[in-house]
Amino acid sequence: MIVSFLPTFSADLNFFQFEPLNEGLLKCLCRAKAVVFPPTISPEIYFFVKNAGVPVFPEYTLRFLYPGKIGQILLFKALGLPHPETTIVPRLCGMEENPYERSLALRFPLVLKGNLGNEGSEIFLIKTEEEFKKVIKKVKAWERSGRFGFLLQEYIPTEFDARAVVIGEKVLIFFRRGGFKKNLAQGGEIIPCPKKGLKKKVYELTLEITAKTEFNLVAIDFLFKNDEPLVNEFNFVFGRRGIGERTYQHYLKKAIKSFISRALA
């Protein structure tokens, strides 16, 4: 029995990811031969199925073990992946009220990223101390609402960046240009590979990432420093403007069918 929570993929049993989890549904999950999830599935349901020994697609274990942008930086470090120089600030009081009086030297320009932003939100290019103070007011508002943690990251000025979309065994790579934020949701545009050899470097680093994480449905953003790719962030819920919805659905169904064949073998 194959179970799917993904609306676009029909299986023996289909469930809505937000419906009540009664005893009957939980028993079905434990008896399943394989379960297909949407990228928005909750970690609780994911790990319930995973811990029951049922094969799942997509593979998101490390995503949920290292949540948010803070978790991703720690994952990059744990796996030895090249990434921008980053300082993690779990709470603002760590900078303003540190009892050990350890100061943090800020080098401008820098990039501040909120822990939970996506598609370019909660990312700020800060050039001066005055701009930093203004953004910190936003951070204090996040903390008042119960959202904690942010990153201080080196600013890497580039005319372009890259995204690799991983769908099963398929890797689709495209390059983007624009202003500070080059993602398409923020007004960026797709361009041909700007320099010879960069696409190959992105592809090779993407294969290293998927080998170490086993991620099989993710968009990976890269920055470039001295023509070498750096992992900027993982996006598990991402737009499909760069590859097109039809292409995305084609490779997604192909990846799911391949996953089910392996699970039933």
C-alpha atoms as a PDB file:
ATOM      1  CA  MET A   1       0.000   0.000   0.000  1.00  0.00           C
ATOM      2  CA  ILE A   2       1.365   3.404  -1.070  1.00  0.00           C
ATOM      3  CA  VAL A   3       0.200   6.493   0.814  1.00  0.00           C
ATOM      4  CA  SER A   4       0.447  10.019  -0.586  1.00  0.00           C
ATOM      5  CA  PHE A   5      -0.021  13.372   1.128  1.00  0.00           C
ATOM      6  CA  LEU A   6       0.917  15.125  -2.116  1.00  0.00           C
ATOM      7  CA  PRO A   7      -2.196  16.433  -3.915  1.00  0.00           C
ATOM      8  CA  THR A   8      -0.639  16.033  -7.373  1.00  0.00           C
ATOM      9  CA  PHE A   9       0.291  12.374  -6.909  1.00  0.00           C
ATOM     10  CA  SER A  10      -2.421   9.725  -6.603  1.00  0.00           C
ATOM     11  CA  ALA A  11      -1.616   6.582  -4.606  1.00  0.00           C
ATOM     12  CA  ASP A  12      -3.550   3.701  -3.014  1.00  0.00           C
ATOM     13  CA  LEU A  13      -4.554   6.108  -0.251  1.00  0.00           C
ATOM     14  CA  ASN A  14      -4.390   9.902  -0.336  1.00  0.00           C
ATOM     15  CA  PHE A  15      -4.570  12.144   2.713  1.00  0.00           C
ATOM     16  CA  PHE A  16      -4.594  15.896   3.280  1.00  0.00           C
ATOM     17  CA  GLN A  17      -1.488  16.830   5.232  1.00  0.00           C
ATOM     18  CA  PHE A  18      -3.471  18.964   7.678  1.00  0.00           C
ATOM     19  CA  GLU A  19      -6.354  16.565   8.380  1.00  0.00           C
ATOM     20  CA  PRO A  20      -6.840  15.151  11.894  1.00  0.00           C
ATOM     21  CA  LEU A  21      -4.511  12.266  12.716  1.00  0.00           C
ATOM     22  CA  ASN A  22      -6.908   9.674  14.135  1.00  0.00           C
ATOM     23  CA  GLU A  23      -6.000   6.105  15.055  1.00  0.00           C
ATOM     24  CA  GLY A  24      -7.054   4.749  11.663  1.00  0.00           C
ATOM     25  CA  LEU A  25      -4.830   7.136   9.718  1.00  0.00           C
ATOM     26  CA  LEU A  26      -1.826   6.428  11.935  1.00  0.00           C
ATOM     27  CA  LYS A  27      -2.300   2.681  11.480  1.00  0.00           C
ATOM     28  CA  CYS A  28      -2.410   3.147   7.710  1.00  0.00           C
ATOM     29  CA  LEU A  29       0.889   5.010   7.836  1.00  0.00           C
ATOM     30  CA  CYS A  30       2.543   2.262   9.843  1.00  0.00           C
ATOM     31  CA  ARG A  31       1.316  -0.405   7.390  1.00  0.00           C
ATOM     32  CA  ALA A  32       2.345   1.523   4.275  1.00  0.00           C
ATOM     33  CA  LYS A  33       5.069   0.254   1.951  1.00  0.00           C
ATOM     34  CA  ALA A  34       6.040   3.849   1.114  1.00  0.00           C
ATOM     35  CA  VAL A  35       4.784   7.364   1.869  1.00  0.00           C
ATOM     36  CA  VAL A  36       5.002  10.448  -0.360  1.00  0.00           C
ATOM     37  CA  PHE A  37       4.994  13.849   1.344  1.00  0.00           C
ATOM     38  CA  PRO A  38       4.689  17.433   0.094  1.00  0.00           C
ATOM     39  CA  PRO A  39       7.584  19.782   0.957  1.00  0.00           C
ATOM     40  CA  THR A  40       5.359  21.465   3.556  1.00  0.00           C
ATOM     41  CA  ILE A  41       4.850  18.333   5.665  1.00  0.00           C
ATOM     42  CA  SER A  42       5.367  18.783   9.405  1.00  0.00           C
ATOM     43  CA  PRO A  43       8.430  17.237  11.062  1.00  0.00           C
ATOM     44  CA  GLU A  44       6.174  15.394  13.529  1.00  0.00           C
ATOM     45  CA  ILE A  45       4.359  13.412  10.818  1.00  0.00           C
ATOM     46  CA  TYR A  46       7.572  12.947   8.854  1.00  0.00           C
ATOM     47  CA  PHE A  47       9.438  11.406  11.777  1.00  0.00           C
ATOM     48  CA  PHE A  48       6.460   9.316  12.869  1.00  0.00           C
ATOM     49  CA  VAL A  49       6.529   7.572   9.486  1.00  0.00           C
ATOM     50  CA  LYS A  50      10.305   7.517   9.210  1.00  0.00           C
ATOM     51  CA  ASN A  51      10.738   6.031  12.688  1.00  0.00           C
ATOM     52  CA  ALA A  52       8.171   3.350  11.846  1.00  0.00           C
ATOM     53  CA  GLY A  53      10.634   2.118   9.232  1.00  0.00           C
ATOM     54  CA  VAL A  54       8.528   3.181   6.255  1.00  0.00           C
ATOM     55  CA  PRO A  55      10.412   4.590   3.223  1.00  0.00           C
ATOM     56  CA  VAL A  56       9.546   8.244   2.589  1.00  0.00           C
ATOM     57  CA  PHE A  57       9.911  10.746  -0.223  1.00  0.00           C
ATOM     58  CA  PRO A  58      11.329  13.360  -0.089  1.00  0.00           C
ATOM     59  CA  GLU A  59      14.279  12.709   2.245  1.00  0.00           C
ATOM     60  CA  TYR A  60      14.265  15.574   4.759  1.00  0.00           C
ATOM     61  CA  THR A  61      15.852  14.171   7.913  1.00  0.00           C
ATOM     62  CA  LEU A  62      18.679  16.701   8.086  1.00  0.00           C
ATOM     63  CA  ARG A  63      16.312  19.501   7.117  1.00  0.00           C
ATOM     64  CA  PHE A  64      14.277  18.920  10.250  1.00  0.00           C
ATOM     65  CA  LEU A  65      17.257  18.159  12.495  1.00  0.00           C
ATOM     66  CA  TYR A  66      18.857  21.481  11.486  1.00  0.00           C
ATOM     67  CA  PRO A  67      15.884  23.861  11.142  1.00  0.00           C
ATOM     68  CA  GLY A  68      15.936  27.459   9.984  1.00  0.00           C
ATOM     69  CA  LYS A  69      18.832  29.459   8.621  1.00  0.00           C
ATOM     70  CA  ILE A  70      20.757  28.950  11.856  1.00  0.00           C
ATOM     71  CA  GLY A  71      20.371  25.205  11.522  1.00  0.00           C
ATOM     72  CA  GLN A  72      21.537  25.350   7.922  1.00  0.00           C
ATOM     73  CA  ILE A  73      24.756  27.173   8.806  1.00  0.00           C
ATOM     74  CA  LEU A  74      25.480  24.563  11.480  1.00  0.00           C
ATOM     75  CA  LEU A  75      24.767  21.831   8.931  1.00  0.00           C
ATOM     76  CA  PHE A  76      27.143  23.434   6.432  1.00  0.00           C
ATOM     77  CA  LYS A  77      29.833  23.462   9.096  1.00  0.00           C
ATOM     78  CA  ALA A  78      29.104  19.897  10.208  1.00  0.00           C
ATOM     79  CA  LEU A  79      29.362  18.594   6.634  1.00  0.00           C
ATOM     80  CA  GLY A  80      32.354  20.711   5.656  1.00  0.00           C
ATOM     81  CA  LEU A  81      30.519  22.594   2.894  1.00  0.00           C
ATOM     82  CA  PRO A  82      31.958  25.907   1.656  1.00  0.00           C
ATOM     83  CA  HIS A  83      29.757  28.829   2.704  1.00  0.00           C
ATOM     84  CA  PRO A  84      30.021  32.554   3.476  1.00  0.00           C
ATOM     85  CA  GLU A  85      31.677  33.534   6.746  1.00  0.00           C
ATOM     86  CA  THR A  86      28.842  33.700   9.253  1.00  0.00           C
ATOM     87  CA  THR A  87      28.244  34.572  12.895  1.00  0.00           C
ATOM     88  CA  ILE A  88      25.180  33.032  14.548  1.00  0.00           C
ATOM     89  CA  VAL A  89      23.293  35.166  17.075  1.00  0.00           C
ATOM     90  CA  PRO A  90      20.735  33.001  18.949  1.00  0.00           C
ATOM     91  CA  ARG A  91      19.256  36.021  20.760  1.00  0.00           C
ATOM     92  CA  LEU A  92      19.915  39.730  20.625  1.00  0.00           C
ATOM     93  CA  CYS A  93      20.782  39.790  24.325  1.00  0.00           C
ATOM     94  CA  GLY A  94      23.891  37.788  23.392  1.00  0.00           C
ATOM     95  CA  MET A  95      25.212  40.977  21.822  1.00  0.00           C
ATOM     96  CA  GLU A  96      23.664  43.596  24.101  1.00  0.00           C
ATOM     97  CA  GLU A  97      23.717  41.980  27.538  1.00  0.00           C
ATOM     98  CA  ASN A  98      26.509  39.410  27.464  1.00  0.00           C
ATOM     99  CA  PRO A  99      27.591  38.902  31.126  1.00  0.00           C
ATOM    100  CA  TYR A 100      31.117  38.055  29.979  1.00  0.00           C
ATOM    101  CA  GLU A 101      31.392  41.400  28.185  1.00  0.00           C
ATOM    102  CA  ARG A 102      32.593  39.853  24.956  1.00  0.00           C
ATOM    103  CA  SER A 103      32.111  42.378  22.180  1.00  0.00           C
ATOM    104  CA  LEU A 104      31.385  41.489  18.568  1.00  0.00           C
ATOM    105  CA  ALA A 105      33.318  43.516  16.025  1.00  0.00           C
ATOM    106  CA  LEU A 106      31.067  44.379  13.094  1.00  0.00           C
ATOM    107  CA  ARG A 107      32.642  44.886   9.684  1.00  0.00           C
ATOM    108  CA  PHE A 108      30.449  46.771   7.237  1.00  0.00           C
ATOM    109  CA  PRO A 109      29.007  46.072   4.773  1.00  0.00           C
ATOM    110  CA  LEU A 110      27.435  42.911   6.118  1.00  0.00           C
ATOM    111  CA  VAL A 111      24.275  40.887   5.592  1.00  0.00           C
ATOM    112  CA  LEU A 112      21.765  40.225   8.364  1.00  0.00           C
ATOM    113  CA  LYS A 113      19.385  37.291   7.896  1.00  0.00           C
ATOM    114  CA  GLY A 114      16.427  36.389  10.073  1.00  0.00           C
ATOM    115  CA  ASN A 115      16.248  32.747  11.064  1.00  0.00           C
ATOM    116  CA  LEU A 116      12.889  32.032   9.424  1.00  0.00           C
ATOM    117  CA  GLY A 117      12.698  34.180   6.294  1.00  0.00           C
ATOM    118  CA  ASN A 118      12.329  32.691   2.811  1.00  0.00           C
ATOM    119  CA  GLU A 119      12.345  33.785  -0.851  1.00  0.00           C
ATOM    120  CA  GLY A 120      14.582  36.739   0.029  1.00  0.00           C
ATOM    121  CA  SER A 121      12.527  38.026   2.975  1.00  0.00           C
ATOM    122  CA  GLU A 122      14.200  39.003   6.239  1.00  0.00           C
ATOM    123  CA  ILE A 123      17.507  39.612   4.469  1.00  0.00           C
ATOM    124  CA  PHE A 124      19.167  43.010   4.801  1.00  0.00           C
ATOM    125  CA  LEU A 125      22.322  44.480   3.301  1.00  0.00           C
ATOM    126  CA  ILE A 126      23.709  46.798   5.980  1.00  0.00           C
ATOM    127  CA  LYS A 127      26.372  49.332   5.074  1.00  0.00           C
ATOM    128  CA  THR A 128      26.646  51.520   8.180  1.00  0.00           C
ATOM    129  CA  GLU A 129      26.214  51.484  11.947  1.00  0.00           C
ATOM    130  CA  GLU A 130      23.071  53.599  11.587  1.00  0.00           C
ATOM    131  CA  GLU A 131      21.508  51.107   9.170  1.00  0.00           C
ATOM    132  CA  PHE A 132      22.397  48.312  11.575  1.00  0.00           C
ATOM    133  CA  LYS A 133      20.558  50.070  14.421  1.00  0.00           C
ATOM    134  CA  LYS A 134      17.443  50.407  12.245  1.00  0.00           C
ATOM    135  CA  VAL A 135      17.425  46.708  11.342  1.00  0.00           C
ATOM    136  CA  ILE A 136      17.979  45.742  14.974  1.00  0.00           C
ATOM    137  CA  LYS A 137      14.625  47.387  15.716  1.00  0.00           C
ATOM    138  CA  LYS A 138      13.072  44.795  13.382  1.00  0.00           C
ATOM    139  CA  VAL A 139      14.968  42.040  15.201  1.00  0.00           C
ATOM    140  CA  LYS A 140      13.548  43.255  18.522  1.00  0.00           C
ATOM    141  CA  ALA A 141      10.047  43.104  17.022  1.00  0.00           C
ATOM    142  CA  TRP A 142      10.713  39.501  15.927  1.00  0.00           C
ATOM    143  CA  GLU A 143      11.793  38.616  19.453  1.00  0.00           C
ATOM    144  CA  ARG A 144       8.717  40.252  20.996  1.00  0.00           C
ATOM    145  CA  SER A 145       6.604  37.936  18.829  1.00  0.00           C
ATOM    146  CA  GLY A 146       8.589  34.906  20.011  1.00  0.00           C
ATOM    147  CA  ARG A 147      10.862  34.500  16.975  1.00  0.00           C
ATOM    148  CA  PHE A 148      14.522  34.330  17.881  1.00  0.00           C
ATOM    149  CA  GLY A 149      17.840  34.105  16.120  1.00  0.00           C
ATOM    150  CA  PHE A 150      19.595  35.756  13.204  1.00  0.00           C
ATOM    151  CA  LEU A 151      22.794  35.567  11.192  1.00  0.00           C
ATOM    152  CA  LEU A 152      25.499  38.129  10.516  1.00  0.00           C
ATOM    153  CA  GLN A 153      27.168  37.186   7.259  1.00  0.00           C
ATOM    154  CA  GLU A 154      29.965  38.541   5.130  1.00  0.00           C
ATOM    155  CA  TYR A 155      28.780  40.510   2.134  1.00  0.00           C
ATOM    156  CA  ILE A 156      29.979  39.003  -1.132  1.00  0.00           C
ATOM    157  CA  PRO A 157      29.348  41.476  -3.972  1.00  0.00           C
ATOM    158  CA  THR A 158      28.623  39.587  -7.191  1.00  0.00           C
ATOM    159  CA  GLU A 159      26.733  40.387 -10.379  1.00  0.00           C
ATOM    160  CA  PHE A 160      25.141  36.944 -10.422  1.00  0.00           C
ATOM    161  CA  ASP A 161      24.334  33.891  -8.338  1.00  0.00           C
ATOM    162  CA  ALA A 162      23.123  30.377  -9.128  1.00  0.00           C
ATOM    163  CA  ARG A 163      20.417  27.958  -8.115  1.00  0.00           C
ATOM    164  CA  ALA A 164      20.489  24.181  -8.454  1.00  0.00           C
ATOM    165  CA  VAL A 165      17.094  22.489  -8.270  1.00  0.00           C
ATOM    166  CA  VAL A 166      17.340  18.853  -7.200  1.00  0.00           C
ATOM    167  CA  ILE A 167      14.364  16.615  -8.069  1.00  0.00           C
ATOM    168  CA  GLY A 168      15.212  13.009  -7.401  1.00  0.00           C
ATOM    169  CA  GLU A 169      18.347  12.293  -9.420  1.00  0.00           C
ATOM    170  CA  LYS A 170      17.785  15.273 -11.740  1.00  0.00           C
ATOM    171  CA  VAL A 171      19.764  18.483 -11.180  1.00  0.00           C
ATOM    172  CA  LEU A 172      18.655  21.643 -13.004  1.00  0.00           C
ATOM    173  CA  ILE A 173      21.009  24.624 -12.765  1.00  0.00           C
ATOM    174  CA  PHE A 174      20.390  28.232 -13.751  1.00  0.00           C
ATOM    175  CA  PHE A 175      22.084  31.558 -13.084  1.00  0.00           C
ATOM    176  CA  ARG A 176      20.473  34.828 -12.035  1.00  0.00           C
ATOM    177  CA  ARG A 177      21.380  38.485 -11.995  1.00  0.00           C
ATOM    178  CA  GLY A 178      19.788  41.500 -10.377  1.00  0.00           C
ATOM    179  CA  GLY A 179      20.351  43.798  -7.444  1.00  0.00           C
ATOM    180  CA  PHE A 180      21.382  42.703  -3.968  1.00  0.00           C
ATOM    181  CA  LYS A 181      18.612  40.073  -4.034  1.00  0.00           C
ATOM    182  CA  LYS A 182      18.786  38.148  -7.287  1.00  0.00           C
ATOM    183  CA  ASN A 183      16.034  35.584  -6.702  1.00  0.00           C
ATOM    184  CA  LEU A 184      13.229  35.783  -9.231  1.00  0.00           C
ATOM    185  CA  ALA A 185      10.645  36.596  -6.576  1.00  0.00           C
ATOM    186  CA  GLN A 186      12.582  39.808  -5.867  1.00  0.00           C
ATOM    187  CA  GLY A 187      12.980  40.919  -9.472  1.00  0.00           C
ATOM    188  CA  GLY A 188      16.017  38.946 -10.585  1.00  0.00           C
ATOM    189  CA  GLU A 189      16.298  37.486 -14.089  1.00  0.00           C
ATOM    190  CA  ILE A 190      17.727  34.296 -15.530  1.00  0.00           C
ATOM    191  CA  ILE A 191      20.933  34.606 -17.543  1.00  0.00           C
ATOM    192  CA  PRO A 192      23.237  32.178 -19.379  1.00  0.00           C
ATOM    193  CA  CYS A 193      26.166  30.805 -17.404  1.00  0.00           C
ATOM    194  CA  PRO A 194      28.341  33.956 -17.115  1.00  0.00           C
ATOM    195  CA  LYS A 195      31.748  32.259 -17.011  1.00  0.00           C
ATOM    196  CA  LYS A 196      33.129  29.071 -18.433  1.00  0.00           C
ATOM    197  CA  GLY A 197      33.379  26.255 -15.911  1.00  0.00           C
ATOM    198  CA  LEU A 198      31.035  27.719 -13.274  1.00  0.00           C
ATOM    199  CA  LYS A 199      28.123  25.414 -14.090  1.00  0.00           C
ATOM    200  CA  LYS A 200      30.380  22.374 -13.747  1.00  0.00           C
ATOM    201  CA  LYS A 201      31.585  23.614 -10.340  1.00  0.00           C
ATOM    202  CA  VAL A 202      27.991  24.160  -9.153  1.00  0.00           C
ATOM    203  CA  TYR A 203      26.980  20.718 -10.413  1.00  0.00           C
ATOM    204  CA  GLU A 204      29.879  18.997  -8.647  1.00  0.00           C
ATOM    205  CA  LEU A 205      29.202  20.809  -5.369  1.00  0.00           C
ATOM    206  CA  THR A 206      25.499  19.950  -5.679  1.00  0.00           C
ATOM    207  CA  LEU A 207      26.366  16.257  -6.026  1.00  0.00           C
ATOM    208  CA  GLU A 208      28.576  16.529  -2.928  1.00  0.00           C
ATOM    209  CA  ILE A 209      25.694  18.104  -1.014  1.00  0.00           C
ATOM    210  CA  THR A 210      23.146  15.473  -2.050  1.00  0.00           C
ATOM    211  CA  ALA A 211      25.597  12.665  -1.245  1.00  0.00           C
ATOM    212  CA  LYS A 212      26.144  14.041   2.260  1.00  0.00           C
ATOM    213  CA  THR A 213      22.518  15.010   3.017  1.00  0.00           C
ATOM    214  CA  GLU A 214      20.514  12.589   0.825  1.00  0.00           C
ATOM    215  CA  PHE A 215      18.224  15.520  -0.050  1.00  0.00           C
ATOM    216  CA  ASN A 216      16.211  14.688  -3.177  1.00  0.00           C
ATOM    217  CA  LEU A 217      13.818  17.639  -3.428  1.00  0.00           C
ATOM    218  CA  VAL A 218      15.507  20.964  -2.737  1.00  0.00           C
ATOM    219  CA  ALA A 219      16.620  24.205  -4.369  1.00  0.00           C
ATOM    220  CA  ILE A 220      20.181  25.140  -3.416  1.00  0.00           C
ATOM    221  CA  ASP A 221      21.367  28.736  -3.757  1.00  0.00           C
ATOM    222  CA  PHE A 222      25.018  29.523  -4.415  1.00  0.00           C
ATOM    223  CA  LEU A 223      27.120  32.662  -4.203  1.00  0.00           C
ATOM    224  CA  PHE A 224      30.525  33.011  -5.859  1.00  0.00           C
ATOM    225  CA  LYS A 225      33.769  34.179  -4.291  1.00  0.00           C
ATOM    226  CA  ASN A 226      36.817  34.253  -6.558  1.00  0.00           C
ATOM    227  CA  ASP A 227      34.786  32.184  -9.031  1.00  0.00           C
ATOM    228  CA  GLU A 228      34.285  29.404  -6.470  1.00  0.00           C
ATOM    229  CA  PRO A 229      30.724  28.467  -5.448  1.00  0.00           C
ATOM    230  CA  LEU A 230      29.662  28.857  -1.824  1.00  0.00           C
ATOM    231  CA  VAL A 231      26.463  27.326  -0.461  1.00  0.00           C
ATOM    232  CA  ASN A 232      24.185  30.179   0.537  1.00  0.00           C
ATOM    233  CA  GLU A 233      21.046  28.316   1.634  1.00  0.00           C
ATOM    234  CA  PHE A 234      18.717  25.391   1.084  1.00  0.00           C
ATOM    235  CA  ASN A 235      15.122  26.055   0.007  1.00  0.00           C
ATOM    236  CA  PHE A 236      12.687  23.200   0.514  1.00  0.00           C
ATOM    237  CA  VAL A 237       9.562  25.170  -0.388  1.00  0.00           C
ATOM    238  CA  PHE A 238      10.585  27.072  -3.493  1.00  0.00           C
ATOM    239  CA  GLY A 239       9.140  28.800  -6.524  1.00  0.00           C
ATOM    240  CA  ARG A 240       9.292  27.152  -9.935  1.00  0.00           C
ATOM    241  CA  ARG A 241       9.747  30.250 -12.093  1.00  0.00           C
ATOM    242  CA  GLY A 242      13.267  29.275 -13.049  1.00  0.00           C
ATOM    243  CA  ILE A 243      12.437  25.802 -14.368  1.00  0.00           C
ATOM    244  CA  GLY A 244       8.723  26.038 -15.088  1.00  0.00           C
ATOM    245  CA  GLU A 245       5.829  24.226 -13.440  1.00  0.00           C
ATOM    246  CA  ARG A 246       5.483  21.628 -16.207  1.00  0.00           C
ATOM    247  CA  THR A 247       9.171  20.680 -15.997  1.00  0.00           C
ATOM    248  CA  TYR A 248       8.976  20.531 -12.223  1.00  0.00           C
ATOM    249  CA  GLN A 249       5.946  18.231 -12.221  1.00  0.00           C
ATOM    250  CA  HIS A 250       7.479  15.990 -14.909  1.00  0.00           C
ATOM    251  CA  TYR A 251      10.657  15.338 -12.961  1.00  0.00           C
ATOM    252  CA  LEU A 252       8.817  15.155  -9.636  1.00  0.00           C
ATOM    253  CA  LYS A 253       6.512  12.355 -10.831  1.00  0.00           C
ATOM    254  CA  LYS A 254       9.486  10.576 -12.359  1.00  0.00           C
ATOM    255  CA  ALA A 255      11.396  10.824  -9.061  1.00  0.00           C
ATOM    256  CA  ILE A 256       8.417   9.562  -7.036  1.00  0.00           C
ATOM    257  CA  LYS A 257       7.864   6.572  -9.334  1.00  0.00           C
ATOM    258  CA  SER A 258      11.555   5.689  -9.099  1.00  0.00           C
ATOM    259  CA  PHE A 259      11.374   5.979  -5.288  1.00  0.00           C
ATOM    260  CA  ILE A 260       8.317   3.687  -5.131  1.00  0.00           C
ATOM    261  CA  SER A 261       9.972   1.094  -7.391  1.00  0.00           C
ATOM    262  CA  ARG A 262      12.954   0.942  -5.042  1.00  0.00           C
ATOM    263  CA  ALA A 263      10.717   0.801  -1.977  1.00  0.00           C
ATOM    264  CA  LEU A 264       8.756  -2.162  -3.380  1.00  0.00           C
ATOM    265  CA  ALA A 265      11.792  -4.039  -4.684  1.00  0.00           C
END
